[in-house]
Amino acid sequence: MANLSLHSPNETGAIEDVLLNFPASPASVIPLLQKIQERCGYISETDLTRVSRYSRVPLSSVYAVVTFYSQFRLDRPGKHMIRICQGTACHVLGAGEILDHLKERLEIEEGQTTADGWFTLESVRCLGCCSLAPVIMIGKETFGRLTRKDLDEILAAYREKGKVA
């Protein structure tokens, strides 16, 4: 667990508030982890320890829960989460090529974040936009009927937004 991140002092206070809203029991582990991730975007090493102590569940068991369920993140996500649909319609219409192109352009693999902290790439089973296949979502924005050229333009637009901010 040496590569896990730690939260800032402000986030640590938010974690204490989360703990107080759940009973101190093993049954609270998953809801606690979900709420912490909702607030902070990921679960830090400090969070794992706090949840373990609070719930009276061994740290190794809390870590096992976090690593078993794909919903949990142990690393701080990028500013923009890119989710690429791998559902049947998207798969048939070229999601694999779109994913390969994203990985090449971003120089990361699935589940990783770009070196500049700008993008995190995730594959998901379905985004529910089958008529727009292949589809990605960046944050809450959906992009469909994608080509490699479209992806290049979308990524460039997001990077340009970052220069202005």
Foldseek 3Di string as FASTA:
>chain_A
DVPFDDDDPVLVVVLVVLLVVDQQAPVCLVVSQVVSCVSQVAAGPVNLVVNCVSHVNDSVVSVVVQVVDPVHHRYRAAPKEKEWEPEPLQVVLPSVVVQVLVCVVQVHHAQDAGPVSHYHYHYDHDPPPSVFHRWMDIPNDIDGPDDSVNVVVVVVVSVVVVVVD
